[in-house]
Amino acid sequence: MRPFVFVNLASSIDGKISNERREQLRISCDEDFRRVDELRASSDGIMVGIGTVLADNPSLTIKDPRLRSERVKSGRKENPIRIVVDSFCRTPPNSKVLDDSAETVIATTNLADQRKLKELSKKAKIIVSGERKVDLKLLLEKLYEMGIRRLMVEGGGTLISSLIAERLVDEMYIYYAPIFIGGKGSPTICDGSSYELPIRVKVESVDRLGEGILFKLKFKRFS
């Protein structure tokens, strides 16, 4: 068994989620930021790849105190569990994702530096899943065992690409902002190697949101 997995991201019209310097850019509008906060509040866990942690240093927490309060009233913790997919334990010890705002899981491999792993284990739960690369299917099974039923994935493009390739995504939200970023080396919605065959999805809805457009996509579930 695995959680229901949905991806959420913001992109430029040309499919970029950052520039070639991988700097944190403001792509979403205020309306989209509020939508993302609500999605976080509806989730049991929020997952990102190590590249997102190194580039953006996100806290991955709910910003609206009313949403946090509603979670507590319903018997849940203020913030969802944070999961970082980090094959070699490169998460900096001073990362926001390791603060005491929420529980954190570092998903790593048997090749991770043991000294770094030990240091990170002081601030996060360590899940070893795979030899050279995190086994995402196994990781999702372990997260399900931890009680995570609804998992939000916020990037980056490499993690999203891997999850789609392994047919581990159920739903996807893409907010397209009316901007162009350009750059052959700029990270995209779905980085990594191309798929053998195109992966078809169902367009569930297309809505105007603030200055941009929000796509909701459905994937066929295989596991």
N, C-alpha and C. Protein backbone atom coordinates (compact mmCIF):
# COMPACT_ATOMS: atom_id res chain seq x y z
N MET A 1 0.84 -1.20 0.00
CA MET A 1 0.00 0.00 0.00
C MET A 1 0.88 1.25 0.00
N ARG A 2 0.37 2.28 -0.63
CA ARG A 2 1.09 3.56 -0.63
C ARG A 2 0.09 4.71 -0.48
N PRO A 3 0.57 5.90 -0.14
CA PRO A 3 -0.34 7.04 -0.01
C PRO A 3 -0.90 7.47 -1.36
N PHE A 4 -1.95 8.28 -1.32
CA PHE A 4 -2.40 9.02 -2.49
C PHE A 4 -1.36 10.11 -2.71
N VAL A 5 -0.78 10.16 -3.90
CA VAL A 5 0.33 11.08 -4.19
C VAL A 5 -0.12 12.14 -5.18
N PHE A 6 0.02 13.39 -4.79
CA PHE A 6 -0.26 14.46 -5.74
C PHE A 6 0.90 15.45 -5.78
N VAL A 7 1.16 15.94 -6.98
CA VAL A 7 2.25 16.89 -7.22
C VAL A 7 1.66 18.28 -7.37
N ASN A 8 2.33 19.25 -6.79
CA ASN A 8 1.92 20.64 -6.99
C ASN A 8 3.14 21.48 -7.33
N LEU A 9 3.03 22.29 -8.38
CA LEU A 9 4.15 23.15 -8.73
C LEU A 9 3.68 24.36 -9.51
N ALA A 10 4.56 25.35 -9.57
CA ALA A 10 4.30 26.56 -10.35
C ALA A 10 5.35 26.64 -11.45
N SER A 11 4.91 27.02 -12.63
CA SER A 11 5.80 27.03 -13.79
C SER A 11 5.58 28.28 -14.64
N SER A 12 6.62 28.63 -15.37
CA SER A 12 6.48 29.67 -16.39
C SER A 12 5.74 29.08 -17.59
N ILE A 13 5.32 29.92 -18.51
CA ILE A 13 4.63 29.45 -19.71
C ILE A 13 5.51 28.49 -20.50
N ASP A 14 6.83 28.70 -20.46
CA ASP A 14 7.74 27.82 -21.20
C ASP A 14 8.21 26.62 -20.37
N GLY A 15 7.48 26.29 -19.30
CA GLY A 15 7.73 25.06 -18.57
C GLY A 15 8.89 25.06 -17.61
N LYS A 16 9.41 26.23 -17.27
CA LYS A 16 10.56 26.32 -16.36
C LYS A 16 10.09 26.59 -14.93
N ILE A 17 10.77 25.97 -13.97
CA ILE A 17 10.43 26.19 -12.56
C ILE A 17 11.50 27.02 -11.85
N SER A 18 12.58 27.34 -12.56
CA SER A 18 13.62 28.23 -12.05
C SER A 18 14.47 28.65 -13.24
N ASN A 19 15.53 29.43 -12.98
CA ASN A 19 16.43 29.82 -14.07
C ASN A 19 17.67 28.94 -14.08
N GLU A 20 18.61 29.23 -14.97
CA GLU A 20 19.81 28.39 -15.09
C GLU A 20 20.68 28.44 -13.84
N ARG A 21 20.56 29.49 -13.04
CA ARG A 21 21.31 29.59 -11.79
C ARG A 21 20.58 28.90 -10.65
N ARG A 22 19.40 28.34 -10.96
CA ARG A 22 18.56 27.63 -9.99
C ARG A 22 18.24 28.50 -8.77
N GLU A 23 17.97 29.76 -9.05
CA GLU A 23 17.60 30.68 -7.99
C GLU A 23 16.11 30.56 -7.69
N GLN A 24 15.74 30.90 -6.47
CA GLN A 24 14.33 30.87 -6.11
C GLN A 24 13.65 32.08 -6.73
N LEU A 25 12.68 31.83 -7.60
CA LEU A 25 11.96 32.90 -8.28
C LEU A 25 10.52 32.94 -7.81
N ARG A 26 9.93 34.12 -7.80
CA ARG A 26 8.50 34.22 -7.49
C ARG A 26 7.73 33.96 -8.78
N ILE A 27 7.11 32.81 -8.86
CA ILE A 27 6.32 32.44 -10.04
C ILE A 27 4.83 32.51 -9.73
N SER A 28 4.45 32.05 -8.54
CA SER A 28 3.03 32.04 -8.14
C SER A 28 2.53 33.44 -7.83
N CYS A 29 1.21 33.62 -7.96
CA CYS A 29 0.55 34.85 -7.52
C CYS A 29 0.05 34.64 -6.09
N ASP A 30 -0.48 35.68 -5.47
CA ASP A 30 -0.97 35.57 -4.09
C ASP A 30 -2.07 34.52 -3.97
N GLU A 31 -2.97 34.47 -4.96
CA GLU A 31 -4.06 33.49 -4.93
C GLU A 31 -3.52 32.07 -4.95
N ASP A 32 -2.45 31.86 -5.71
CA ASP A 32 -1.87 30.52 -5.79
C ASP A 32 -1.17 30.16 -4.49
N PHE A 33 -0.50 31.12 -3.86
CA PHE A 33 0.13 30.85 -2.56
C PHE A 33 -0.91 30.38 -1.54
N ARG A 34 -2.09 31.01 -1.55
CA ARG A 34 -3.14 30.60 -0.62
C ARG A 34 -3.63 29.19 -0.94
N ARG A 35 -3.75 28.89 -2.23
CA ARG A 35 -4.18 27.55 -2.64
C ARG A 35 -3.18 26.50 -2.18
N VAL A 36 -1.89 26.79 -2.33
CA VAL A 36 -0.84 25.86 -1.92
C VAL A 36 -0.90 25.63 -0.42
N ASP A 37 -1.14 26.69 0.35
CA ASP A 37 -1.23 26.55 1.80
C ASP A 37 -2.38 25.63 2.19
N GLU A 38 -3.50 25.74 1.47
CA GLU A 38 -4.65 24.87 1.74
C GLU A 38 -4.34 23.42 1.38
N LEU A 39 -3.60 23.22 0.28
CA LEU A 39 -3.20 21.86 -0.09
C LEU A 39 -2.28 21.27 0.97
N ARG A 40 -1.35 22.06 1.47
CA ARG A 40 -0.47 21.58 2.53
C ARG A 40 -1.28 21.17 3.76
N ALA A 41 -2.25 22.01 4.10
CA ALA A 41 -3.07 21.73 5.28
C ALA A 41 -3.89 20.45 5.13
N SER A 42 -4.18 20.06 3.90
CA SER A 42 -4.97 18.85 3.65
C SER A 42 -4.11 17.59 3.60
N SER A 43 -2.80 17.75 3.73
CA SER A 43 -1.87 16.64 3.52
C SER A 43 -1.35 16.07 4.84
N ASP A 44 -0.94 14.80 4.77
CA ASP A 44 -0.27 14.17 5.91
C ASP A 44 1.24 14.33 5.82
N GLY A 45 1.74 14.49 4.60
CA GLY A 45 3.17 14.65 4.40
C GLY A 45 3.45 15.52 3.18
N ILE A 46 4.60 16.20 3.21
CA ILE A 46 5.05 17.02 2.09
C ILE A 46 6.45 16.56 1.71
N MET A 47 6.64 16.19 0.45
CA MET A 47 7.92 15.62 0.02
C MET A 47 8.60 16.49 -1.03
N VAL A 48 9.92 16.63 -0.89
CA VAL A 48 10.74 17.33 -1.89
C VAL A 48 12.04 16.55 -2.08
N GLY A 49 12.74 16.87 -3.17
CA GLY A 49 14.05 16.30 -3.40
C GLY A 49 15.13 17.18 -2.78
N ILE A 50 16.32 16.64 -2.66
CA ILE A 50 17.42 17.38 -2.04
C ILE A 50 17.76 18.63 -2.83
N GLY A 51 17.59 18.61 -4.14
CA GLY A 51 17.88 19.79 -4.96
C GLY A 51 17.05 20.99 -4.55
N THR A 52 15.79 20.74 -4.20
CA THR A 52 14.91 21.82 -3.75
C THR A 52 15.37 22.39 -2.42
N VAL A 53 15.80 21.51 -1.53
CA VAL A 53 16.31 21.96 -0.22
C VAL A 53 17.55 22.82 -0.40
N LEU A 54 18.48 22.37 -1.24
CA LEU A 54 19.73 23.10 -1.44
C LEU A 54 19.51 24.44 -2.15
N ALA A 55 18.56 24.47 -3.08
CA ALA A 55 18.33 25.70 -3.86
C ALA A 55 17.46 26.72 -3.14
N ASP A 56 16.40 26.22 -2.46
CA ASP A 56 15.39 27.13 -1.92
C ASP A 56 15.35 27.22 -0.40
N ASN A 57 15.92 26.21 0.28
CA ASN A 57 15.85 26.13 1.74
C ASN A 57 14.42 26.37 2.25
N PRO A 58 13.46 25.56 1.79
CA PRO A 58 12.06 25.78 2.18
C PRO A 58 11.78 25.26 3.59
N SER A 59 10.77 25.82 4.23
CA SER A 59 10.37 25.32 5.55
C SER A 59 9.32 24.21 5.41
N LEU A 60 8.57 24.22 4.30
CA LEU A 60 7.53 23.23 4.02
C LEU A 60 6.49 23.17 5.14
N THR A 61 6.09 24.33 5.62
CA THR A 61 5.09 24.41 6.68
C THR A 61 3.89 25.22 6.21
N ILE A 62 2.81 25.13 6.97
CA ILE A 62 1.58 25.88 6.67
C ILE A 62 1.74 27.30 7.20
N LYS A 63 1.48 28.26 6.36
CA LYS A 63 1.68 29.66 6.74
C LYS A 63 0.49 30.25 7.50
N ASP A 64 -0.72 29.90 7.12
CA ASP A 64 -1.92 30.49 7.71
C ASP A 64 -2.19 29.87 9.09
N PRO A 65 -2.15 30.67 10.17
CA PRO A 65 -2.38 30.13 11.51
C PRO A 65 -3.77 29.51 11.67
N ARG A 66 -4.75 29.99 10.91
CA ARG A 66 -6.09 29.42 11.00
C ARG A 66 -6.11 27.98 10.48
N LEU A 67 -5.36 27.73 9.42
CA LEU A 67 -5.28 26.37 8.88
C LEU A 67 -4.56 25.44 9.85
N ARG A 68 -3.52 25.95 10.51
CA ARG A 68 -2.81 25.14 11.50
C ARG A 68 -3.73 24.82 12.68
N SER A 69 -4.50 25.83 13.09
CA SER A 69 -5.42 25.65 14.21
C SER A 69 -6.50 24.61 13.89
N GLU A 70 -7.00 24.64 12.67
CA GLU A 70 -8.01 23.66 12.25
C GLU A 70 -7.45 22.25 12.28
N ARG A 71 -6.19 22.11 11.89
CA ARG A 71 -5.56 20.78 11.95
C ARG A 71 -5.50 20.28 13.39
N VAL A 72 -5.08 21.15 14.28
CA VAL A 72 -4.97 20.76 15.70
C VAL A 72 -6.33 20.38 16.26
N LYS A 73 -7.36 21.15 15.92
CA LYS A 73 -8.72 20.86 16.41
C LYS A 73 -9.21 19.50 15.91
N SER A 74 -8.74 19.10 14.74
CA SER A 74 -9.16 17.81 14.18
C SER A 74 -8.29 16.64 14.65
N GLY A 75 -7.37 16.94 15.59
CA GLY A 75 -6.55 15.87 16.17
C GLY A 75 -5.24 15.62 15.45
N ARG A 76 -4.90 16.50 14.51
CA ARG A 76 -3.63 16.34 13.80
C ARG A 76 -2.60 17.35 14.31
N LYS A 77 -1.36 17.16 13.92
CA LYS A 77 -0.32 18.11 14.30
C LYS A 77 -0.44 19.36 13.43
N GLU A 78 0.15 20.47 13.92
CA GLU A 78 0.03 21.76 13.22
C GLU A 78 0.46 21.67 11.76
N ASN A 79 1.54 20.94 11.50
CA ASN A 79 2.10 20.84 10.15
C ASN A 79 2.26 19.38 9.74
N PRO A 80 2.16 19.10 8.45
CA PRO A 80 2.41 17.75 7.96
C PRO A 80 3.87 17.33 8.18
N ILE A 81 4.11 16.05 8.10
CA ILE A 81 5.48 15.53 8.16
C ILE A 81 6.22 15.95 6.89
N ARG A 82 7.46 16.37 7.03
CA ARG A 82 8.27 16.77 5.88
C ARG A 82 9.19 15.62 5.49
N ILE A 83 9.26 15.33 4.20
CA ILE A 83 10.11 14.23 3.71
C ILE A 83 11.08 14.78 2.67
N VAL A 84 12.36 14.52 2.87
CA VAL A 84 13.39 14.94 1.92
C VAL A 84 14.01 13.69 1.30
N VAL A 85 13.94 13.58 -0.02
CA VAL A 85 14.58 12.47 -0.74
C VAL A 85 16.02 12.88 -0.99
N ASP A 86 16.94 12.25 -0.27
CA ASP A 86 18.33 12.69 -0.22
C ASP A 86 19.25 11.46 -0.21
N SER A 87 19.61 10.98 -1.39
CA SER A 87 20.34 9.72 -1.51
C SER A 87 21.66 9.68 -0.76
N PHE A 88 22.32 10.84 -0.62
CA PHE A 88 23.66 10.85 -0.01
C PHE A 88 23.76 11.75 1.22
N CYS A 89 22.64 12.03 1.86
CA CYS A 89 22.60 12.83 3.09
C CYS A 89 23.32 14.17 2.92
N ARG A 90 22.91 14.92 1.89
CA ARG A 90 23.51 16.23 1.64
C ARG A 90 22.71 17.37 2.29
N THR A 91 21.65 17.05 3.00
CA THR A 91 20.85 18.09 3.65
C THR A 91 21.68 18.84 4.68
N PRO A 92 21.85 20.15 4.54
CA PRO A 92 22.63 20.92 5.52
C PRO A 92 21.96 20.87 6.90
N PRO A 93 22.73 20.70 7.97
CA PRO A 93 22.16 20.61 9.32
C PRO A 93 21.37 21.84 9.74
N ASN A 94 21.65 22.99 9.12
CA ASN A 94 20.93 24.21 9.49
C ASN A 94 19.75 24.51 8.56
N SER A 95 19.34 23.54 7.76
CA SER A 95 18.21 23.74 6.83
C SER A 95 16.92 24.00 7.61
N LYS A 96 16.07 24.84 7.04
CA LYS A 96 14.77 25.13 7.66
C LYS A 96 13.93 23.87 7.81
N VAL A 97 14.13 22.94 6.90
CA VAL A 97 13.34 21.72 6.92
C VAL A 97 13.67 20.85 8.13
N LEU A 98 14.74 21.20 8.84
CA LEU A 98 15.13 20.45 10.04
C LEU A 98 14.79 21.19 11.33
N ASP A 99 14.06 22.31 11.22
CA ASP A 99 13.72 23.03 12.44
C ASP A 99 12.61 22.28 13.19
N ASP A 100 12.19 22.83 14.31
CA ASP A 100 11.22 22.11 15.15
C ASP A 100 9.76 22.45 14.82
N SER A 101 9.52 23.02 13.64
CA SER A 101 8.14 23.36 13.25
C SER A 101 7.31 22.12 12.93
N ALA A 102 8.00 21.05 12.53
CA ALA A 102 7.30 19.82 12.15
C ALA A 102 8.28 18.66 12.19
N GLU A 103 7.74 17.45 12.15
CA GLU A 103 8.59 16.26 12.05
C GLU A 103 9.21 16.21 10.65
N THR A 104 10.39 15.62 10.57
CA THR A 104 11.06 15.50 9.27
C THR A 104 11.60 14.09 9.09
N VAL A 105 11.47 13.60 7.87
CA VAL A 105 12.04 12.31 7.47
C VAL A 105 13.07 12.56 6.38
N ILE A 106 14.26 12.00 6.54
CA ILE A 106 15.27 12.01 5.49
C ILE A 106 15.30 10.62 4.87
N ALA A 107 14.95 10.52 3.60
CA ALA A 107 14.99 9.24 2.89
C ALA A 107 16.32 9.14 2.16
N THR A 108 17.11 8.14 2.50
CA THR A 108 18.45 8.05 1.94
C THR A 108 18.78 6.61 1.52
N THR A 109 20.06 6.35 1.26
CA THR A 109 20.47 5.04 0.75
C THR A 109 21.61 4.45 1.58
N ASN A 110 21.97 3.23 1.25
CA ASN A 110 23.07 2.57 1.95
C ASN A 110 24.43 3.21 1.65
N LEU A 111 24.50 4.03 0.59
CA LEU A 111 25.76 4.68 0.24
C LEU A 111 25.94 6.03 0.94
N ALA A 112 24.97 6.43 1.72
CA ALA A 112 25.07 7.73 2.40
C ALA A 112 26.24 7.74 3.38
N ASP A 113 26.87 8.89 3.50
CA ASP A 113 27.96 9.08 4.44
C ASP A 113 27.44 8.85 5.87
N GLN A 114 28.02 7.88 6.56
CA GLN A 114 27.52 7.50 7.88
C GLN A 114 27.66 8.62 8.91
N ARG A 115 28.69 9.43 8.77
CA ARG A 115 28.88 10.55 9.71
C ARG A 115 27.76 11.57 9.53
N LYS A 116 27.45 11.89 8.26
CA LYS A 116 26.37 12.84 7.99
C LYS A 116 25.02 12.26 8.41
N LEU A 117 24.86 10.96 8.16
CA LEU A 117 23.61 10.30 8.52
C LEU A 117 23.38 10.39 10.03
N LYS A 118 24.45 10.14 10.79
CA LYS A 118 24.34 10.19 12.25
C LYS A 118 23.99 11.60 12.72
N GLU A 119 24.59 12.60 12.08
CA GLU A 119 24.33 13.99 12.45
C GLU A 119 22.88 14.37 12.15
N LEU A 120 22.39 13.95 10.97
CA LEU A 120 21.01 14.27 10.59
C LEU A 120 19.99 13.53 11.46
N SER A 121 20.38 12.36 11.95
CA SER A 121 19.45 11.57 12.76
C SER A 121 19.10 12.25 14.09
N LYS A 122 19.87 13.27 14.46
CA LYS A 122 19.56 14.02 15.69
C LYS A 122 18.35 14.92 15.49
N LYS A 123 18.07 15.26 14.23
CA LYS A 123 16.98 16.20 13.94
C LYS A 123 15.87 15.60 13.09
N ALA A 124 16.09 14.41 12.56
CA ALA A 124 15.10 13.82 11.65
C ALA A 124 15.08 12.31 11.78
N LYS A 125 13.97 11.73 11.36
CA LYS A 125 13.88 10.27 11.27
C LYS A 125 14.55 9.86 9.97
N ILE A 126 15.40 8.86 10.02
CA ILE A 126 16.12 8.39 8.83
C ILE A 126 15.45 7.13 8.29
N ILE A 127 15.14 7.13 7.01
CA ILE A 127 14.63 5.93 6.34
C ILE A 127 15.62 5.56 5.24
N VAL A 128 16.23 4.40 5.36
CA VAL A 128 17.14 3.91 4.32
C VAL A 128 16.31 3.09 3.34
N SER A 129 16.32 3.52 2.08
CA SER A 129 15.47 2.89 1.07
C SER A 129 16.22 2.81 -0.25
N GLY A 130 16.98 1.75 -0.44
CA GLY A 130 17.72 1.58 -1.69
C GLY A 130 19.22 1.57 -1.48
N GLU A 131 19.94 1.17 -2.54
CA GLU A 131 21.40 1.07 -2.47
C GLU A 131 22.07 2.36 -2.92
N ARG A 132 21.98 2.70 -4.20
CA ARG A 132 22.63 3.90 -4.74
C ARG A 132 21.65 5.07 -4.94
N LYS A 133 20.38 4.74 -5.05
CA LYS A 133 19.34 5.73 -5.30
C LYS A 133 18.12 5.36 -4.46
N VAL A 134 17.44 6.36 -3.93
CA VAL A 134 16.28 6.07 -3.10
C VAL A 134 15.22 5.32 -3.90
N ASP A 135 14.80 4.18 -3.37
CA ASP A 135 13.74 3.37 -3.97
C ASP A 135 12.41 4.04 -3.61
N LEU A 136 11.83 4.75 -4.56
CA LEU A 136 10.64 5.55 -4.27
C LEU A 136 9.42 4.71 -3.92
N LYS A 137 9.27 3.58 -4.58
CA LYS A 137 8.12 2.71 -4.30
C LYS A 137 8.21 2.18 -2.86
N LEU A 138 9.40 1.74 -2.48
CA LEU A 138 9.60 1.24 -1.11
C LEU A 138 9.42 2.37 -0.10
N LEU A 139 9.92 3.55 -0.44
CA LEU A 139 9.76 4.70 0.46
C LEU A 139 8.29 5.01 0.69
N LEU A 140 7.50 5.02 -0.37
CA LEU A 140 6.07 5.32 -0.22
C LEU A 140 5.38 4.27 0.65
N GLU A 141 5.79 3.03 0.51
CA GLU A 141 5.22 1.97 1.36
C GLU A 141 5.54 2.22 2.83
N LYS A 142 6.77 2.66 3.09
CA LYS A 142 7.18 2.95 4.48
C LYS A 142 6.45 4.17 5.02
N LEU A 143 6.23 5.16 4.17
CA LEU A 143 5.49 6.34 4.61
C LEU A 143 4.04 5.98 4.92
N TYR A 144 3.48 5.07 4.15
CA TYR A 144 2.12 4.60 4.41
C TYR A 144 2.05 3.92 5.77
N GLU A 145 3.08 3.13 6.08
CA GLU A 145 3.14 2.45 7.38
C GLU A 145 3.23 3.45 8.52
N MET A 146 3.78 4.64 8.24
CA MET A 146 3.87 5.70 9.25
C MET A 146 2.55 6.44 9.43
N GLY A 147 1.55 6.11 8.63
CA GLY A 147 0.25 6.76 8.74
C GLY A 147 0.01 7.85 7.72
N ILE A 148 0.93 8.02 6.78
CA ILE A 148 0.75 9.04 5.74
C ILE A 148 -0.15 8.48 4.65
N ARG A 149 -1.30 9.08 4.51
CA ARG A 149 -2.28 8.62 3.51
C ARG A 149 -2.38 9.57 2.32
N ARG A 150 -2.05 10.83 2.54
CA ARG A 150 -2.15 11.85 1.48
C ARG A 150 -0.82 12.59 1.45
N LEU A 151 -0.08 12.39 0.36
CA LEU A 151 1.28 12.93 0.25
C LEU A 151 1.36 13.98 -0.85
N MET A 152 1.83 15.16 -0.48
CA MET A 152 2.01 16.26 -1.42
C MET A 152 3.47 16.33 -1.84
N VAL A 153 3.73 16.40 -3.13
CA VAL A 153 5.10 16.50 -3.65
C VAL A 153 5.26 17.88 -4.26
N GLU A 154 6.30 18.61 -3.81
CA GLU A 154 6.49 19.99 -4.28
C GLU A 154 7.73 20.17 -5.14
N GLY A 155 8.35 19.09 -5.57
CA GLY A 155 9.51 19.24 -6.46
C GLY A 155 10.75 18.59 -5.90
N GLY A 156 11.82 18.74 -6.64
CA GLY A 156 11.90 19.45 -7.90
C GLY A 156 11.61 18.56 -9.10
N GLY A 157 12.05 19.04 -10.27
CA GLY A 157 11.74 18.37 -11.51
C GLY A 157 12.27 16.96 -11.63
N THR A 158 13.42 16.69 -11.02
CA THR A 158 13.99 15.34 -11.10
C THR A 158 13.17 14.35 -10.30
N LEU A 159 12.78 14.73 -9.08
CA LEU A 159 11.94 13.86 -8.26
C LEU A 159 10.59 13.63 -8.93
N ILE A 160 9.99 14.68 -9.44
CA ILE A 160 8.70 14.55 -10.11
C ILE A 160 8.80 13.61 -11.31
N SER A 161 9.86 13.77 -12.10
CA SER A 161 10.07 12.91 -13.27
C SER A 161 10.18 11.45 -12.86
N SER A 162 10.92 11.18 -11.79
CA SER A 162 11.11 9.80 -11.32
C SER A 162 9.79 9.20 -10.83
N LEU A 163 9.02 9.98 -10.10
CA LEU A 163 7.73 9.48 -9.60
C LEU A 163 6.77 9.18 -10.75
N ILE A 164 6.75 10.04 -11.75
CA ILE A 164 5.88 9.80 -12.92
C ILE A 164 6.35 8.57 -13.67
N ALA A 165 7.66 8.43 -13.85
CA ALA A 165 8.22 7.28 -14.57
C ALA A 165 7.84 5.97 -13.91
N GLU A 166 7.78 5.97 -12.58
CA GLU A 166 7.45 4.75 -11.84
C GLU A 166 5.96 4.61 -11.59
N ARG A 167 5.17 5.47 -12.22
CA ARG A 167 3.70 5.42 -12.11
C ARG A 167 3.25 5.55 -10.65
N LEU A 168 3.85 6.50 -9.95
CA LEU A 168 3.56 6.69 -8.53
C LEU A 168 2.82 8.00 -8.24
N VAL A 169 2.35 8.66 -9.29
CA VAL A 169 1.62 9.92 -9.12
C VAL A 169 0.15 9.70 -9.48
N ASP A 170 -0.74 10.21 -8.63
CA ASP A 170 -2.18 10.08 -8.87
C ASP A 170 -2.80 11.35 -9.44
N GLU A 171 -2.26 12.49 -9.03
CA GLU A 171 -2.87 13.76 -9.39
C GLU A 171 -1.78 14.82 -9.46
N MET A 172 -2.01 15.86 -10.27
CA MET A 172 -1.00 16.90 -10.42
C MET A 172 -1.66 18.24 -10.65
N TYR A 173 -1.18 19.24 -9.94
CA TYR A 173 -1.62 20.63 -10.12
C TYR A 173 -0.45 21.43 -10.69
N ILE A 174 -0.68 22.11 -11.79
CA ILE A 174 0.35 22.98 -12.37
C ILE A 174 -0.23 24.38 -12.52
N TYR A 175 0.39 25.33 -11.84
CA TYR A 175 0.01 26.73 -12.01
C TYR A 175 0.96 27.35 -13.01
N TYR A 176 0.42 27.81 -14.13
CA TYR A 176 1.22 28.47 -15.16
C TYR A 176 1.11 29.98 -15.00
N ALA A 177 2.24 30.61 -14.72
CA ALA A 177 2.27 32.07 -14.60
C ALA A 177 2.54 32.68 -15.97
N PRO A 178 2.04 33.88 -16.24
CA PRO A 178 2.24 34.52 -17.55
C PRO A 178 3.63 35.15 -17.67
N ILE A 179 4.65 34.30 -17.55
CA ILE A 179 6.04 34.75 -17.67
C ILE A 179 6.84 33.74 -18.49
N PHE A 180 7.93 34.20 -19.08
CA PHE A 180 8.89 33.32 -19.74
C PHE A 180 10.20 33.42 -18.96
N ILE A 181 10.84 32.28 -18.72
CA ILE A 181 12.13 32.27 -18.02
C ILE A 181 13.25 31.95 -18.99
N GLY A 182 13.02 31.01 -19.91
CA GLY A 182 14.03 30.67 -20.91
C GLY A 182 15.21 29.92 -20.32
N GLY A 183 16.18 29.62 -21.18
CA GLY A 183 17.40 28.95 -20.74
C GLY A 183 17.36 27.46 -20.98
N LYS A 184 18.29 26.99 -21.83
CA LYS A 184 18.36 25.56 -22.13
C LYS A 184 18.62 24.74 -20.87
N GLY A 185 19.39 25.32 -19.94
CA GLY A 185 19.74 24.59 -18.73
C GLY A 185 18.84 24.87 -17.55
N SER A 186 17.77 25.62 -17.75
CA SER A 186 16.85 25.90 -16.64
C SER A 186 16.04 24.66 -16.28
N PRO A 187 15.86 24.38 -14.98
CA PRO A 187 15.08 23.20 -14.59
C PRO A 187 13.63 23.31 -15.05
N THR A 188 13.07 22.19 -15.42
CA THR A 188 11.71 22.16 -15.95
C THR A 188 10.77 21.40 -15.02
N ILE A 189 9.51 21.39 -15.39
CA ILE A 189 8.49 20.66 -14.64
C ILE A 189 8.89 19.21 -14.44
N CYS A 190 9.48 18.61 -15.46
CA CYS A 190 9.78 17.18 -15.44
C CYS A 190 11.18 16.96 -16.00
N ASP A 191 12.19 17.08 -15.15
CA ASP A 191 13.58 16.90 -15.57
C ASP A 191 13.94 15.42 -15.67
N GLY A 192 15.19 15.15 -16.05
CA GLY A 192 15.63 13.77 -16.16
C GLY A 192 15.52 13.27 -17.59
N SER A 193 15.71 11.97 -17.76
CA SER A 193 15.66 11.36 -19.09
C SER A 193 14.22 11.33 -19.61
N SER A 194 14.09 11.36 -20.94
CA SER A 194 12.75 11.28 -21.53
C SER A 194 12.20 9.86 -21.35
N TYR A 195 10.88 9.74 -21.38
CA TYR A 195 10.24 8.45 -21.22
C TYR A 195 10.24 7.70 -22.56
N GLU A 196 10.20 6.37 -22.48
CA GLU A 196 10.17 5.56 -23.70
C GLU A 196 8.98 5.93 -24.56
N LEU A 197 7.83 6.07 -23.90
CA LEU A 197 6.60 6.48 -24.58
C LEU A 197 5.97 7.62 -23.80
N PRO A 198 5.29 8.53 -24.47
CA PRO A 198 4.62 9.62 -23.75
C PRO A 198 3.62 9.06 -22.73
N ILE A 199 3.54 9.70 -21.58
CA ILE A 199 2.61 9.29 -20.53
C ILE A 199 1.37 10.18 -20.60
N ARG A 200 0.26 9.56 -20.91
CA ARG A 200 -0.97 10.32 -21.10
C ARG A 200 -1.68 10.55 -19.76
N VAL A 201 -2.24 11.74 -19.60
CA VAL A 201 -3.00 12.07 -18.40
C VAL A 201 -4.38 12.61 -18.80
N LYS A 202 -5.27 12.66 -17.82
CA LYS A 202 -6.59 13.24 -18.05
C LYS A 202 -6.60 14.66 -17.50
N VAL A 203 -7.03 15.61 -18.31
CA VAL A 203 -7.17 16.99 -17.84
C VAL A 203 -8.50 17.08 -17.08
N GLU A 204 -8.39 17.18 -15.76
CA GLU A 204 -9.58 17.22 -14.91
C GLU A 204 -10.24 18.60 -14.93
N SER A 205 -9.41 19.64 -14.92
CA SER A 205 -9.97 21.00 -14.96
C SER A 205 -8.90 22.00 -15.37
N VAL A 206 -9.35 23.13 -15.91
CA VAL A 206 -8.48 24.25 -16.26
C VAL A 206 -9.19 25.51 -15.77
N ASP A 207 -8.55 26.24 -14.87
CA ASP A 207 -9.18 27.41 -14.26
C ASP A 207 -8.26 28.62 -14.27
N ARG A 208 -8.85 29.78 -14.39
CA ARG A 208 -8.10 31.02 -14.24
C ARG A 208 -7.88 31.25 -12.75
N LEU A 209 -6.64 31.55 -12.37
CA LEU A 209 -6.33 31.82 -10.97
C LEU A 209 -5.41 33.03 -10.91
N GLY A 210 -5.94 34.14 -10.40
CA GLY A 210 -5.14 35.36 -10.39
C GLY A 210 -4.73 35.72 -11.80
N GLU A 211 -3.42 35.90 -11.98
CA GLU A 211 -2.90 36.27 -13.30
C GLU A 211 -2.65 35.06 -14.20
N GLY A 212 -2.69 33.86 -13.62
CA GLY A 212 -2.30 32.68 -14.38
C GLY A 212 -3.41 31.67 -14.58
N ILE A 213 -3.00 30.45 -14.95
CA ILE A 213 -3.94 29.37 -15.24
C ILE A 213 -3.54 28.14 -14.43
N LEU A 214 -4.53 27.48 -13.83
CA LEU A 214 -4.30 26.29 -13.02
C LEU A 214 -4.84 25.05 -13.73
N PHE A 215 -3.94 24.10 -13.98
CA PHE A 215 -4.32 22.81 -14.55
C PHE A 215 -4.40 21.78 -13.43
N LYS A 216 -5.44 20.96 -13.45
CA LYS A 216 -5.52 19.80 -12.56
C LYS A 216 -5.54 18.56 -13.44
N LEU A 217 -4.57 17.68 -13.24
CA LEU A 217 -4.39 16.50 -14.07
C LEU A 217 -4.58 15.23 -13.25
N LYS A 218 -5.12 14.19 -13.87
CA LYS A 218 -5.30 12.90 -13.23
C LYS A 218 -4.46 11.85 -13.95
N PHE A 219 -3.80 11.00 -13.17
CA PHE A 219 -3.01 9.90 -13.71
C PHE A 219 -3.74 8.59 -13.42
N LYS A 220 -3.55 7.62 -14.29
CA LYS A 220 -4.09 6.29 -14.04
C LYS A 220 -3.27 5.64 -12.96
N ARG A 221 -3.92 5.04 -11.97
CA ARG A 221 -3.20 4.43 -10.85
C ARG A 221 -2.80 3.00 -11.19
N PHE A 222 -1.50 2.71 -10.99
CA PHE A 222 -0.99 1.37 -11.28
C PHE A 222 -0.63 0.61 -10.01
N SER A 223 -0.48 1.32 -8.89
CA SER A 223 -0.09 0.65 -7.64
C SER A 223 -0.71 1.34 -6.45
